Amino acid sequence: QVQLAESGGGLVQAGDSLRLSCTASTSGRTFNTYVMGWFRQAPGKEREFVAAINGRGTNTDHADAVKSRFTMSRDNAKNTVYLQMNSLKLEDTGTYYCASKRAPASAFVVYRNSRTYDYWGQGTQVTVSS
């Protein structure tokens, strides 16, 4: 069982920055044995992939829409992943979710498919205004 808690969302203006955090409670399993992902969902739209990172933090993947503006990272000592979001745009508005998928700590692979992930947080709202 994994519990995920996102934080850091808010109302910002276009061009601003935000950093989202997602802290995991892993019931004793070490955090580096989870691939982590960030997804977002805008009103009336399907949930979409934003970024993912492998257990050791040596491999990341970012959606084309956010590449060069968003950076996903992790601190395994704190059981936390982050999403640094810069140069925010109106279209970045949505609820942001983190998700986890068990994997060997040595795994390099990350996943874009939301169905791959086992556990999800409740989400944090990001609203970008003009």
Foldseek 3Di string as FASTA:
>chain_A
DKAKAKDWADEEAAQAKTKMKIAMDDVPDQLLQKKKFKWWDDPPGDIFGAKIAHSVRPDMDGDPVQPPFWDWGDDRVRRMIMIIGGRDDQVVWGWMKMFIAGHGSPDGDHDGDPVRTDDMYPTDGHGYHD
